[in-house]
Amino acid sequence: METVDAGWNMVVGADREKIVDAVNSIKLPVQRPELYGDGRAAQKMLEILAD
């Protein structure tokens, strides 16, 4: 749901025409917020534990 709201993905169903229309209308979002973090959680935790 978050990626649809952010404009990264679309839900169009299984109708061929809707899929083709969706692919043809793709516009990349200007910003891509890190919805699920930056991928460095384990590294950050390791650094905290090492201190």
N, C-alpha and C. Protein backbone atom coordinates (compact mmCIF):
# COMPACT_ATOMS: atom_id res chain seq x y z
N MET A 1 0.81 -1.19 0.00
CA MET A 1 0.00 0.00 0.00
C MET A 1 0.86 1.27 0.00
N GLU A 2 1.95 1.23 0.79
CA GLU A 2 2.80 2.41 0.90
C GLU A 2 3.44 2.76 -0.44
N THR A 3 3.85 1.74 -1.19
CA THR A 3 4.51 2.01 -2.47
C THR A 3 3.52 2.52 -3.52
N VAL A 4 2.26 2.11 -3.40
CA VAL A 4 1.22 2.65 -4.30
C VAL A 4 0.97 4.11 -3.95
N ASP A 5 0.84 4.40 -2.65
CA ASP A 5 0.61 5.78 -2.22
C ASP A 5 1.78 6.69 -2.61
N ALA A 6 3.00 6.15 -2.60
CA ALA A 6 4.18 6.95 -2.93
C ALA A 6 4.37 7.10 -4.44
N GLY A 7 3.56 6.39 -5.24
CA GLY A 7 3.66 6.51 -6.69
C GLY A 7 4.67 5.57 -7.33
N TRP A 8 5.18 4.62 -6.57
CA TRP A 8 6.15 3.67 -7.11
C TRP A 8 5.48 2.54 -7.89
N ASN A 9 4.27 2.18 -7.48
CA ASN A 9 3.56 1.05 -8.07
C ASN A 9 2.11 1.42 -8.35
N MET A 10 1.46 0.60 -9.18
CA MET A 10 0.05 0.76 -9.49
C MET A 10 -0.64 -0.59 -9.36
N VAL A 11 -1.89 -0.55 -8.94
CA VAL A 11 -2.70 -1.77 -8.90
C VAL A 11 -3.74 -1.61 -10.00
N VAL A 12 -3.68 -2.48 -11.01
CA VAL A 12 -4.58 -2.34 -12.15
C VAL A 12 -5.41 -3.59 -12.42
N GLY A 13 -5.14 -4.67 -11.71
CA GLY A 13 -5.89 -5.90 -11.96
C GLY A 13 -5.29 -6.72 -13.08
N ALA A 14 -6.07 -7.65 -13.59
CA ALA A 14 -5.56 -8.60 -14.59
C ALA A 14 -6.06 -8.31 -16.01
N ASP A 15 -6.78 -7.23 -16.19
CA ASP A 15 -7.29 -6.87 -17.51
C ASP A 15 -6.13 -6.40 -18.40
N ARG A 16 -5.99 -7.04 -19.56
CA ARG A 16 -4.87 -6.75 -20.45
C ARG A 16 -4.78 -5.27 -20.83
N GLU A 17 -5.91 -4.68 -21.19
CA GLU A 17 -5.90 -3.27 -21.61
C GLU A 17 -5.50 -2.34 -20.48
N LYS A 18 -5.96 -2.65 -19.27
CA LYS A 18 -5.58 -1.82 -18.12
C LYS A 18 -4.09 -1.92 -17.84
N ILE A 19 -3.55 -3.13 -18.00
CA ILE A 19 -2.11 -3.32 -17.79
C ILE A 19 -1.31 -2.54 -18.82
N VAL A 20 -1.70 -2.64 -20.08
CA VAL A 20 -1.00 -1.92 -21.16
C VAL A 20 -1.10 -0.41 -20.94
N ASP A 21 -2.28 0.07 -20.60
CA ASP A 21 -2.46 1.50 -20.33
C ASP A 21 -1.59 1.96 -19.16
N ALA A 22 -1.52 1.15 -18.11
CA ALA A 22 -0.70 1.50 -16.95
C ALA A 22 0.78 1.56 -17.31
N VAL A 23 1.25 0.59 -18.07
CA VAL A 23 2.66 0.58 -18.49
C VAL A 23 2.96 1.79 -19.35
N ASN A 24 2.05 2.12 -20.25
CA ASN A 24 2.28 3.26 -21.13
C ASN A 24 2.19 4.61 -20.42
N SER A 25 1.58 4.64 -19.24
CA SER A 25 1.43 5.90 -18.53
C SER A 25 2.40 6.06 -17.36
N ILE A 26 3.39 5.20 -17.28
CA ILE A 26 4.34 5.26 -16.16
C ILE A 26 5.08 6.59 -16.17
N LYS A 27 5.07 7.22 -15.00
CA LYS A 27 5.85 8.44 -14.77
C LYS A 27 6.61 8.23 -13.48
N LEU A 28 7.93 8.37 -13.54
CA LEU A 28 8.73 8.17 -12.35
C LEU A 28 8.50 9.30 -11.36
N PRO A 29 8.35 8.96 -10.09
CA PRO A 29 8.15 10.02 -9.08
C PRO A 29 9.40 10.88 -8.95
N VAL A 30 9.21 12.15 -8.64
CA VAL A 30 10.33 13.07 -8.48
C VAL A 30 11.18 12.65 -7.29
N GLN A 31 10.54 12.29 -6.19
CA GLN A 31 11.25 11.86 -5.00
C GLN A 31 10.90 10.42 -4.68
N ARG A 32 11.87 9.72 -4.10
CA ARG A 32 11.63 8.35 -3.68
C ARG A 32 11.96 8.23 -2.20
N PRO A 33 10.99 8.51 -1.35
CA PRO A 33 11.26 8.43 0.09
C PRO A 33 11.62 7.01 0.51
N GLU A 34 12.46 6.90 1.52
CA GLU A 34 12.85 5.59 2.04
C GLU A 34 11.74 5.10 2.96
N LEU A 35 10.78 4.41 2.40
CA LEU A 35 9.61 3.97 3.15
C LEU A 35 9.96 2.93 4.20
N TYR A 36 10.96 2.14 3.95
CA TYR A 36 11.30 1.04 4.84
C TYR A 36 12.72 1.17 5.39
N GLY A 37 13.21 2.40 5.50
CA GLY A 37 14.55 2.62 6.01
C GLY A 37 15.57 2.69 4.88
N ASP A 38 16.83 2.82 5.27
CA ASP A 38 17.87 2.99 4.26
C ASP A 38 18.67 1.71 4.01
N GLY A 39 18.24 0.58 4.61
CA GLY A 39 18.94 -0.69 4.39
C GLY A 39 20.17 -0.87 5.26
N ARG A 40 20.36 0.02 6.22
CA ARG A 40 21.56 -0.05 7.05
C ARG A 40 21.25 -0.33 8.53
N ALA A 41 20.09 -0.88 8.83
CA ALA A 41 19.69 -1.10 10.22
C ALA A 41 20.67 -2.02 10.94
N ALA A 42 21.05 -3.12 10.32
CA ALA A 42 21.97 -4.06 10.97
C ALA A 42 23.32 -3.41 11.24
N GLN A 43 23.82 -2.65 10.28
CA GLN A 43 25.10 -1.96 10.46
C GLN A 43 25.01 -0.95 11.60
N LYS A 44 23.94 -0.20 11.66
CA LYS A 44 23.77 0.78 12.74
C LYS A 44 23.69 0.09 14.10
N MET A 45 22.97 -1.04 14.19
CA MET A 45 22.87 -1.77 15.44
C MET A 45 24.23 -2.31 15.86
N LEU A 46 24.99 -2.82 14.93
CA LEU A 46 26.33 -3.34 15.21
C LEU A 46 27.22 -2.24 15.76
N GLU A 47 27.15 -1.06 15.16
CA GLU A 47 27.96 0.07 15.63
C GLU A 47 27.57 0.47 17.06
N ILE A 48 26.28 0.47 17.35
CA ILE A 48 25.81 0.83 18.69
C ILE A 48 26.28 -0.21 19.71
N LEU A 49 26.15 -1.48 19.36
CA LEU A 49 26.56 -2.54 20.27
C LEU A 49 28.08 -2.56 20.47
N ALA A 50 28.84 -2.22 19.45
CA ALA A 50 30.29 -2.20 19.55
C ALA A 50 30.77 -1.07 20.45
N ASP A 51 30.02 0.02 20.53
CA ASP A 51 30.39 1.15 21.39
C ASP A 51 30.18 0.76 22.82
